[in-house]
Amino acid sequence: MSLSGPSLPFLRADAAPLAPPERRLSDLPLTVLVGVTGVGKSTALSALTGADPAMRVLPDRREVTDAVMILPATGGAPVRDREERFRLTARYRQEHHGGMAQALGSLVADVRHWGEAPVFDGLRGLDEVRFAAESFPAWRFVALGAPDGVRVRRLLGRADSFDQVAAGSGGTLRAELAALAGVEAVFTPAELDDLAGLPAQGFAPGDVLAKVRIVVSERHNYDPAAAEAFLRTLPPVRALVLDTVALDPAGVAAAVRAWAGGAA
């Protein structure tokens, strides 16, 4: 299946023999960002490309997800709702246990456009990270983490039009938060109390509920802590793990640049 086009330019996923300017992404020394929504991957990405201006950034996770996982499942109909996207990608992972790592590794790239060492944003969860590390030994990883409550606040602050889920229809915010399926596995009652207090800081209750729902849905599908624990078992040249609360954006950028330079 060819994926060349506006969404995935100069990439394809069919089994035709490689042309002279083509390489399989599985064989290239990709630098892969690892982390769930709201952990600060944009800062790390800027640092990587700043450290190496020649580095090319592959189509991101959303674009690869659409082209490989979602559009084939919906007959070409786009899906914006985050929870529905999580459902469709979970179905893909049932058949492809490597998830996004397996989808990305299956692609063939024209290196005249993408270069020999591009960067990808990004992988999530233990299954994807372990599959990538064990299947593609040339790949290396930058993992970023932040507590779930911090991620909610960052999502509220970034106003990304992609971060859409169906909002609540009524009731108090604290009650609606407590009623979210699986929320007790992600947030403690005290944390929910804090989140329910965010409207006093100027955030709309519906926005708070929507961002918490995104974080809870994502955590149902991916375990950031397990992925980070696995990456810590790899040689430092292959993996960098950063806490984006302990480090401010400038500190994250400095750490990523130093690691990228040392691993080069």
C-alpha atoms as a PDB file:
ATOM      1  CA  MET A   1       0.000   0.000   0.000  1.00  0.00           C
ATOM      2  CA  SER A   2       1.433   3.330  -1.035  1.00  0.00           C
ATOM      3  CA  LEU A   3       1.125   6.142   1.460  1.00  0.00           C
ATOM      4  CA  SER A   4       2.815   8.784  -0.613  1.00  0.00           C
ATOM      5  CA  GLY A   5       0.708  11.917  -0.648  1.00  0.00           C
ATOM      6  CA  PRO A   6      -0.097  15.013   1.378  1.00  0.00           C
ATOM      7  CA  SER A   7      -0.298  13.136   4.707  1.00  0.00           C
ATOM      8  CA  LEU A   8       2.847  11.016   4.435  1.00  0.00           C
ATOM      9  CA  PRO A   9       5.014  12.508   1.695  1.00  0.00           C
ATOM     10  CA  PHE A  10       7.996  10.534   0.414  1.00  0.00           C
ATOM     11  CA  LEU A  11       6.969   7.483   2.478  1.00  0.00           C
ATOM     12  CA  ARG A  12       5.345   4.222   1.452  1.00  0.00           C
ATOM     13  CA  ALA A  13       4.242   0.994   3.083  1.00  0.00           C
ATOM     14  CA  ASP A  14       4.160  -1.475   0.208  1.00  0.00           C
ATOM     15  CA  ALA A  15       6.504  -4.405  -0.288  1.00  0.00           C
ATOM     16  CA  ALA A  16       7.977  -3.340  -3.634  1.00  0.00           C
ATOM     17  CA  PRO A  17      11.781  -3.555  -3.892  1.00  0.00           C
ATOM     18  CA  LEU A  18      13.685  -0.532  -2.632  1.00  0.00           C
ATOM     19  CA  ALA A  19      14.657   2.101  -5.164  1.00  0.00           C
ATOM     20  CA  PRO A  20      18.235   3.478  -4.906  1.00  0.00           C
ATOM     21  CA  PRO A  21      17.243   6.540  -2.797  1.00  0.00           C
ATOM     22  CA  GLU A  22      15.010   4.529  -0.436  1.00  0.00           C
ATOM     23  CA  ARG A  23      15.705   3.032   2.988  1.00  0.00           C
ATOM     24  CA  ARG A  24      13.471   1.226   5.428  1.00  0.00           C
ATOM     25  CA  LEU A  25      12.835   3.312   8.538  1.00  0.00           C
ATOM     26  CA  SER A  26      13.508   0.165  10.545  1.00  0.00           C
ATOM     27  CA  ASP A  27      17.153   0.332   9.396  1.00  0.00           C
ATOM     28  CA  LEU A  28      17.768   4.063   9.876  1.00  0.00           C
ATOM     29  CA  PRO A  29      19.107   5.598  13.130  1.00  0.00           C
ATOM     30  CA  LEU A  30      15.852   7.317  14.068  1.00  0.00           C
ATOM     31  CA  THR A  31      15.620   9.465  17.179  1.00  0.00           C
ATOM     32  CA  VAL A  32      12.199   8.779  18.691  1.00  0.00           C
ATOM     33  CA  LEU A  33      10.388  10.930  21.245  1.00  0.00           C
ATOM     34  CA  VAL A  34       8.484   8.941  23.872  1.00  0.00           C
ATOM     35  CA  GLY A  35       5.705  10.333  26.022  1.00  0.00           C
ATOM     36  CA  VAL A  36       1.992  10.874  26.366  1.00  0.00           C
ATOM     37  CA  THR A  37       0.111  14.099  25.675  1.00  0.00           C
ATOM     38  CA  GLY A  38       1.249  17.163  27.590  1.00  0.00           C
ATOM     39  CA  VAL A  39       4.693  16.033  28.775  1.00  0.00           C
ATOM     40  CA  GLY A  40       6.725  18.553  26.779  1.00  0.00           C
ATOM     41  CA  LYS A  41       7.685  16.734  23.586  1.00  0.00           C
ATOM     42  CA  SER A  42       7.529  19.946  21.573  1.00  0.00           C
ATOM     43  CA  THR A  43      10.357  21.401  23.659  1.00  0.00           C
ATOM     44  CA  ALA A  44      12.482  18.297  23.129  1.00  0.00           C
ATOM     45  CA  LEU A  45      11.741  18.293  19.414  1.00  0.00           C
ATOM     46  CA  SER A  46      12.862  21.901  19.100  1.00  0.00           C
ATOM     47  CA  ALA A  47      16.058  21.062  20.979  1.00  0.00           C
ATOM     48  CA  LEU A  48      16.849  18.114  18.725  1.00  0.00           C
ATOM     49  CA  THR A  49      16.355  20.047  15.525  1.00  0.00           C
ATOM     50  CA  GLY A  50      18.239  22.999  16.983  1.00  0.00           C
ATOM     51  CA  ALA A  51      21.202  20.770  17.821  1.00  0.00           C
ATOM     52  CA  ASP A  52      21.232  19.404  14.261  1.00  0.00           C
ATOM     53  CA  PRO A  53      19.632  21.793  11.736  1.00  0.00           C
ATOM     54  CA  ALA A  54      19.933  19.129   9.024  1.00  0.00           C
ATOM     55  CA  MET A  55      17.714  16.721  10.976  1.00  0.00           C
ATOM     56  CA  ARG A  56      14.352  16.131   9.339  1.00  0.00           C
ATOM     57  CA  VAL A  57      11.159  15.547  11.322  1.00  0.00           C
ATOM     58  CA  LEU A  58       8.968  12.724  10.026  1.00  0.00           C
ATOM     59  CA  PRO A  59       5.171  13.078   9.881  1.00  0.00           C
ATOM     60  CA  ASP A  60       4.056  12.924  13.493  1.00  0.00           C
ATOM     61  CA  ARG A  61       2.101  10.305  15.365  1.00  0.00           C
ATOM     62  CA  ARG A  62      -1.260  11.793  14.461  1.00  0.00           C
ATOM     63  CA  GLU A  63      -0.492  11.703  10.742  1.00  0.00           C
ATOM     64  CA  VAL A  64       0.887   8.152  10.778  1.00  0.00           C
ATOM     65  CA  THR A  65      -2.057   7.045  12.932  1.00  0.00           C
ATOM     66  CA  ASP A  66      -4.528   8.523  10.447  1.00  0.00           C
ATOM     67  CA  ALA A  67      -2.835   7.029   7.382  1.00  0.00           C
ATOM     68  CA  VAL A  68      -2.052   3.555   8.741  1.00  0.00           C
ATOM     69  CA  MET A  69      -4.608   2.852  11.501  1.00  0.00           C
ATOM     70  CA  ILE A  70      -7.693   5.067  11.320  1.00  0.00           C
ATOM     71  CA  LEU A  71      -8.535   5.911   7.709  1.00  0.00           C
ATOM     72  CA  PRO A  72      -8.277   2.265   6.565  1.00  0.00           C
ATOM     73  CA  ALA A  73     -10.650   1.303   9.416  1.00  0.00           C
ATOM     74  CA  THR A  74     -13.213   4.016   8.659  1.00  0.00           C
ATOM     75  CA  GLY A  75     -13.177   3.848   4.885  1.00  0.00           C
ATOM     76  CA  GLY A  76     -11.368   7.150   4.677  1.00  0.00           C
ATOM     77  CA  ALA A  77     -13.535   9.119   7.118  1.00  0.00           C
ATOM     78  CA  PRO A  78     -11.484  11.303   9.491  1.00  0.00           C
ATOM     79  CA  VAL A  79     -11.921  10.954  13.269  1.00  0.00           C
ATOM     80  CA  ARG A  80     -11.333  13.936  15.561  1.00  0.00           C
ATOM     81  CA  ASP A  81     -12.696  12.704  18.885  1.00  0.00           C
ATOM     82  CA  ARG A  82      -9.766  11.541  21.005  1.00  0.00           C
ATOM     83  CA  GLU A  83     -11.621   8.713  22.704  1.00  0.00           C
ATOM     84  CA  GLU A  84     -12.778   7.283  19.383  1.00  0.00           C
ATOM     85  CA  ARG A  85      -9.221   7.512  18.083  1.00  0.00           C
ATOM     86  CA  PHE A  86      -7.994   5.617  21.149  1.00  0.00           C
ATOM     87  CA  ARG A  87     -10.610   2.930  20.467  1.00  0.00           C
ATOM     88  CA  LEU A  88      -9.530   2.518  16.845  1.00  0.00           C
ATOM     89  CA  THR A  89      -5.826   2.465  17.636  1.00  0.00           C
ATOM     90  CA  ALA A  90      -6.445  -0.097  20.386  1.00  0.00           C
ATOM     91  CA  ARG A  91      -8.115  -2.303  17.784  1.00  0.00           C
ATOM     92  CA  TYR A  92      -5.074  -1.905  15.533  1.00  0.00           C
ATOM     93  CA  ARG A  93      -2.790  -2.952  18.405  1.00  0.00           C
ATOM     94  CA  GLN A  94      -4.789  -6.124  18.908  1.00  0.00           C
ATOM     95  CA  GLU A  95      -3.602  -7.227  15.473  1.00  0.00           C
ATOM     96  CA  HIS A  96      -0.185  -5.503  15.541  1.00  0.00           C
ATOM     97  CA  HIS A  97       1.226  -5.773  19.041  1.00  0.00           C
ATOM     98  CA  GLY A  98       3.975  -3.281  18.264  1.00  0.00           C
ATOM     99  CA  GLY A  99       1.370  -0.587  17.662  1.00  0.00           C
ATOM    100  CA  MET A 100       2.805   2.659  16.344  1.00  0.00           C
ATOM    101  CA  ALA A 101       6.355   1.277  16.465  1.00  0.00           C
ATOM    102  CA  GLN A 102       5.359  -1.541  14.147  1.00  0.00           C
ATOM    103  CA  ALA A 103       3.483   0.839  11.828  1.00  0.00           C
ATOM    104  CA  LEU A 104       6.426   3.234  11.662  1.00  0.00           C
ATOM    105  CA  GLY A 105       9.002   0.502  11.181  1.00  0.00           C
ATOM    106  CA  SER A 106       7.065  -0.859   8.211  1.00  0.00           C
ATOM    107  CA  LEU A 107       7.477   2.363   6.216  1.00  0.00           C
ATOM    108  CA  VAL A 108      10.010   2.984   3.470  1.00  0.00           C
ATOM    109  CA  ALA A 109      11.470   6.489   3.200  1.00  0.00           C
ATOM    110  CA  ASP A 110      13.035   8.432   0.382  1.00  0.00           C
ATOM    111  CA  VAL A 111      16.210   9.598   2.141  1.00  0.00           C
ATOM    112  CA  ARG A 112      16.766  12.363  -0.388  1.00  0.00           C
ATOM    113  CA  HIS A 113      13.890  14.070   1.394  1.00  0.00           C
ATOM    114  CA  TRP A 114      14.056  12.653   4.947  1.00  0.00           C
ATOM    115  CA  GLY A 115      17.807  12.255   5.363  1.00  0.00           C
ATOM    116  CA  GLU A 116      19.597   9.322   6.956  1.00  0.00           C
ATOM    117  CA  ALA A 117      18.747  10.072  10.612  1.00  0.00           C
ATOM    118  CA  PRO A 118      15.286  11.639  11.003  1.00  0.00           C
ATOM    119  CA  VAL A 119      13.340  12.195  14.217  1.00  0.00           C
ATOM    120  CA  PHE A 120       9.849  10.936  15.036  1.00  0.00           C
ATOM    121  CA  ASP A 121       7.248  12.218  17.507  1.00  0.00           C
ATOM    122  CA  GLY A 122       6.460   9.830  19.042  1.00  0.00           C
ATOM    123  CA  LEU A 123       5.890   6.491  20.778  1.00  0.00           C
ATOM    124  CA  ARG A 124       3.818   5.756  23.901  1.00  0.00           C
ATOM    125  CA  GLY A 125       3.666   2.964  26.420  1.00  0.00           C
ATOM    126  CA  LEU A 126       5.718  -0.121  27.184  1.00  0.00           C
ATOM    127  CA  ASP A 127       4.556  -2.301  24.287  1.00  0.00           C
ATOM    128  CA  GLU A 128       5.474   0.221  21.593  1.00  0.00           C
ATOM    129  CA  VAL A 129       8.786   1.180  23.186  1.00  0.00           C
ATOM    130  CA  ARG A 130       9.924  -2.364  23.861  1.00  0.00           C
ATOM    131  CA  PHE A 131       8.948  -3.488  20.356  1.00  0.00           C
ATOM    132  CA  ALA A 132      10.889  -0.598  18.840  1.00  0.00           C
ATOM    133  CA  ALA A 133      13.995  -1.061  20.982  1.00  0.00           C
ATOM    134  CA  GLU A 134      14.160  -4.810  20.450  1.00  0.00           C
ATOM    135  CA  SER A 135      13.187  -4.837  16.760  1.00  0.00           C
ATOM    136  CA  PHE A 136      15.094  -1.788  15.511  1.00  0.00           C
ATOM    137  CA  PRO A 137      18.530  -1.623  17.160  1.00  0.00           C
ATOM    138  CA  ALA A 138      19.546   1.567  15.339  1.00  0.00           C
ATOM    139  CA  TRP A 139      16.727   3.573  16.946  1.00  0.00           C
ATOM    140  CA  ARG A 140      17.325   5.703  20.044  1.00  0.00           C
ATOM    141  CA  PHE A 141      14.852   7.321  22.388  1.00  0.00           C
ATOM    142  CA  VAL A 142      14.137  10.510  24.330  1.00  0.00           C
ATOM    143  CA  ALA A 143      11.420   9.912  26.939  1.00  0.00           C
ATOM    144  CA  LEU A 144       9.670  12.700  28.809  1.00  0.00           C
ATOM    145  CA  GLY A 145       7.350  12.373  31.777  1.00  0.00           C
ATOM    146  CA  ALA A 146       5.083  14.518  33.935  1.00  0.00           C
ATOM    147  CA  PRO A 147       2.349  13.773  36.519  1.00  0.00           C
ATOM    148  CA  ASP A 148      -1.169  13.443  35.165  1.00  0.00           C
ATOM    149  CA  GLY A 149      -2.442  16.535  36.975  1.00  0.00           C
ATOM    150  CA  VAL A 150       0.316  18.596  35.398  1.00  0.00           C
ATOM    151  CA  ARG A 151      -0.612  17.220  31.998  1.00  0.00           C
ATOM    152  CA  VAL A 152      -4.229  18.343  32.455  1.00  0.00           C
ATOM    153  CA  ARG A 153      -3.070  21.865  33.257  1.00  0.00           C
ATOM    154  CA  ARG A 154      -0.744  21.918  30.258  1.00  0.00           C
ATOM    155  CA  LEU A 155      -3.532  20.757  27.964  1.00  0.00           C
ATOM    156  CA  LEU A 156      -5.746  23.539  29.279  1.00  0.00           C
ATOM    157  CA  GLY A 157      -3.022  26.035  28.531  1.00  0.00           C
ATOM    158  CA  ARG A 158      -2.129  24.987  25.003  1.00  0.00           C
ATOM    159  CA  ALA A 159      -5.563  25.346  23.318  1.00  0.00           C
ATOM    160  CA  ASP A 160      -4.812  22.650  20.718  1.00  0.00           C
ATOM    161  CA  SER A 161      -7.833  22.198  18.430  1.00  0.00           C
ATOM    162  CA  PHE A 162      -6.947  18.504  18.144  1.00  0.00           C
ATOM    163  CA  ASP A 163      -7.654  17.917  21.848  1.00  0.00           C
ATOM    164  CA  GLN A 164     -11.355  17.264  21.439  1.00  0.00           C
ATOM    165  CA  VAL A 165     -13.670  14.904  23.272  1.00  0.00           C
ATOM    166  CA  ALA A 166     -17.381  15.128  23.932  1.00  0.00           C
ATOM    167  CA  ALA A 167     -18.026  17.472  26.878  1.00  0.00           C
ATOM    168  CA  GLY A 168     -20.341  16.807  29.803  1.00  0.00           C
ATOM    169  CA  SER A 169     -23.969  17.833  29.689  1.00  0.00           C
ATOM    170  CA  GLY A 170     -24.602  19.023  33.236  1.00  0.00           C
ATOM    171  CA  GLY A 171     -24.049  18.469  36.930  1.00  0.00           C
ATOM    172  CA  THR A 172     -21.242  19.739  39.114  1.00  0.00           C
ATOM    173  CA  LEU A 173     -17.713  19.406  37.783  1.00  0.00           C
ATOM    174  CA  ARG A 174     -16.515  17.354  40.771  1.00  0.00           C
ATOM    175  CA  ALA A 175     -19.328  14.852  40.276  1.00  0.00           C
ATOM    176  CA  GLU A 176     -18.721  14.657  36.546  1.00  0.00           C
ATOM    177  CA  LEU A 177     -15.015  14.053  37.090  1.00  0.00           C
ATOM    178  CA  ALA A 178     -15.748  11.258  39.562  1.00  0.00           C
ATOM    179  CA  ALA A 179     -18.154   9.680  37.074  1.00  0.00           C
ATOM    180  CA  LEU A 180     -15.542   9.288  34.327  1.00  0.00           C
ATOM    181  CA  ALA A 181     -14.945   5.614  33.592  1.00  0.00           C
ATOM    182  CA  GLY A 182     -11.635   4.489  35.081  1.00  0.00           C
ATOM    183  CA  VAL A 183     -10.787   7.843  36.651  1.00  0.00           C
ATOM    184  CA  GLU A 184     -10.074   6.239  40.022  1.00  0.00           C
ATOM    185  CA  ALA A 185      -7.119   4.379  38.483  1.00  0.00           C
ATOM    186  CA  VAL A 186      -5.519   7.660  37.408  1.00  0.00           C
ATOM    187  CA  PHE A 187      -6.457  10.342  39.959  1.00  0.00           C
ATOM    188  CA  THR A 188      -6.920  10.211  43.735  1.00  0.00           C
ATOM    189  CA  PRO A 189      -9.971  11.909  45.312  1.00  0.00           C
ATOM    190  CA  ALA A 190      -7.710  14.733  46.499  1.00  0.00           C
ATOM    191  CA  GLU A 191      -6.382  15.226  42.971  1.00  0.00           C
ATOM    192  CA  LEU A 192      -9.936  15.323  41.638  1.00  0.00           C
ATOM    193  CA  ASP A 193     -10.741  17.976  44.236  1.00  0.00           C
ATOM    194  CA  ASP A 194      -7.830  20.054  42.936  1.00  0.00           C
ATOM    195  CA  LEU A 195      -8.935  19.618  39.329  1.00  0.00           C
ATOM    196  CA  ALA A 196     -12.507  20.554  40.229  1.00  0.00           C
ATOM    197  CA  GLY A 197     -11.113  23.805  41.620  1.00  0.00           C
ATOM    198  CA  LEU A 198      -9.537  24.858  38.314  1.00  0.00           C
ATOM    199  CA  PRO A 199     -12.568  26.926  37.196  1.00  0.00           C
ATOM    200  CA  ALA A 200     -11.687  29.316  40.033  1.00  0.00           C
ATOM    201  CA  GLN A 201      -8.460  29.957  38.093  1.00  0.00           C
ATOM    202  CA  GLY A 202     -10.364  30.963  34.985  1.00  0.00           C
ATOM    203  CA  PHE A 203     -10.802  27.638  33.180  1.00  0.00           C
ATOM    204  CA  ALA A 204     -14.220  26.645  31.873  1.00  0.00           C
ATOM    205  CA  PRO A 205     -15.643  23.575  33.649  1.00  0.00           C
ATOM    206  CA  GLY A 206     -16.356  21.882  30.309  1.00  0.00           C
ATOM    207  CA  ASP A 207     -12.727  22.359  29.244  1.00  0.00           C
ATOM    208  CA  VAL A 208     -11.443  20.881  32.501  1.00  0.00           C
ATOM    209  CA  LEU A 209     -13.704  17.855  32.116  1.00  0.00           C
ATOM    210  CA  ALA A 210     -12.640  17.363  28.496  1.00  0.00           C
ATOM    211  CA  LYS A 211      -8.901  17.512  29.285  1.00  0.00           C
ATOM    212  CA  VAL A 212      -9.246  15.127  32.241  1.00  0.00           C
ATOM    213  CA  ARG A 213     -11.150  12.722  29.993  1.00  0.00           C
ATOM    214  CA  ILE A 214      -8.284  12.850  27.472  1.00  0.00           C
ATOM    215  CA  VAL A 215      -5.698  12.027  30.131  1.00  0.00           C
ATOM    216  CA  VAL A 216      -7.768   9.201  31.598  1.00  0.00           C
ATOM    217  CA  SER A 217      -8.472   7.691  28.167  1.00  0.00           C
ATOM    218  CA  GLU A 218      -4.815   7.868  27.220  1.00  0.00           C
ATOM    219  CA  ARG A 219      -3.690   6.252  30.461  1.00  0.00           C
ATOM    220  CA  HIS A 220      -6.070   3.358  29.819  1.00  0.00           C
ATOM    221  CA  ASN A 221      -4.097   2.606  26.659  1.00  0.00           C
ATOM    222  CA  TYR A 222      -0.520   3.491  27.610  1.00  0.00           C
ATOM    223  CA  ASP A 223       1.584   3.186  30.771  1.00  0.00           C
ATOM    224  CA  PRO A 224       4.221   5.944  30.747  1.00  0.00           C
ATOM    225  CA  ALA A 225       5.958   4.710  33.906  1.00  0.00           C
ATOM    226  CA  ALA A 226       6.481   1.209  32.508  1.00  0.00           C
ATOM    227  CA  ALA A 227       7.890   2.611  29.272  1.00  0.00           C
ATOM    228  CA  GLU A 228      10.315   4.845  31.164  1.00  0.00           C
ATOM    229  CA  ALA A 229      11.395   1.950  33.409  1.00  0.00           C
ATOM    230  CA  PHE A 230      12.180  -0.161  30.358  1.00  0.00           C
ATOM    231  CA  LEU A 231      14.148   2.616  28.662  1.00  0.00           C
ATOM    232  CA  ARG A 232      16.287   3.006  31.777  1.00  0.00           C
ATOM    233  CA  THR A 233      17.548  -0.538  31.148  1.00  0.00           C
ATOM    234  CA  LEU A 234      19.027   0.489  27.789  1.00  0.00           C
ATOM    235  CA  PRO A 235      22.543   1.905  27.393  1.00  0.00           C
ATOM    236  CA  PRO A 236      22.582   5.697  27.918  1.00  0.00           C
ATOM    237  CA  VAL A 237      23.611   6.212  24.302  1.00  0.00           C
ATOM    238  CA  ARG A 238      20.252   4.755  23.250  1.00  0.00           C
ATOM    239  CA  ALA A 239      17.882   6.328  25.769  1.00  0.00           C
ATOM    240  CA  LEU A 240      17.445   9.593  27.660  1.00  0.00           C
ATOM    241  CA  VAL A 241      14.667   9.845  30.273  1.00  0.00           C
ATOM    242  CA  LEU A 242      13.692  13.275  31.599  1.00  0.00           C
ATOM    243  CA  ASP A 243      11.216  14.598  34.179  1.00  0.00           C
ATOM    244  CA  THR A 244       9.711  17.734  32.657  1.00  0.00           C
ATOM    245  CA  VAL A 245       8.560  19.011  36.037  1.00  0.00           C
ATOM    246  CA  ALA A 246      11.993  18.757  37.648  1.00  0.00           C
ATOM    247  CA  LEU A 247      13.439  20.448  34.550  1.00  0.00           C
ATOM    248  CA  ASP A 248      12.048  23.631  33.046  1.00  0.00           C
ATOM    249  CA  PRO A 249      11.842  23.860  29.232  1.00  0.00           C
ATOM    250  CA  ALA A 250      15.333  25.355  29.022  1.00  0.00           C
ATOM    251  CA  GLY A 251      16.703  22.496  31.142  1.00  0.00           C
ATOM    252  CA  VAL A 252      14.954  19.903  28.978  1.00  0.00           C
ATOM    253  CA  ALA A 253      16.364  21.494  25.844  1.00  0.00           C
ATOM    254  CA  ALA A 254      19.896  21.617  27.285  1.00  0.00           C
ATOM    255  CA  ALA A 255      19.758  17.960  28.377  1.00  0.00           C
ATOM    256  CA  VAL A 256      18.472  16.821  24.991  1.00  0.00           C
ATOM    257  CA  ARG A 257      21.109  18.798  23.088  1.00  0.00           C
ATOM    258  CA  ALA A 258      23.905  17.419  25.285  1.00  0.00           C
ATOM    259  CA  TRP A 259      22.656  13.843  24.844  1.00  0.00           C
ATOM    260  CA  ALA A 260      22.186  14.231  21.090  1.00  0.00           C
ATOM    261  CA  GLY A 261      25.692  15.582  20.731  1.00  0.00           C
ATOM    262  CA  GLY A 262      27.211  12.830  22.843  1.00  0.00           C
ATOM    263  CA  ALA A 263      25.323  10.092  21.007  1.00  0.00           C
ATOM    264  CA  ALA A 264      26.222  11.354  17.579  1.00  0.00           C
END
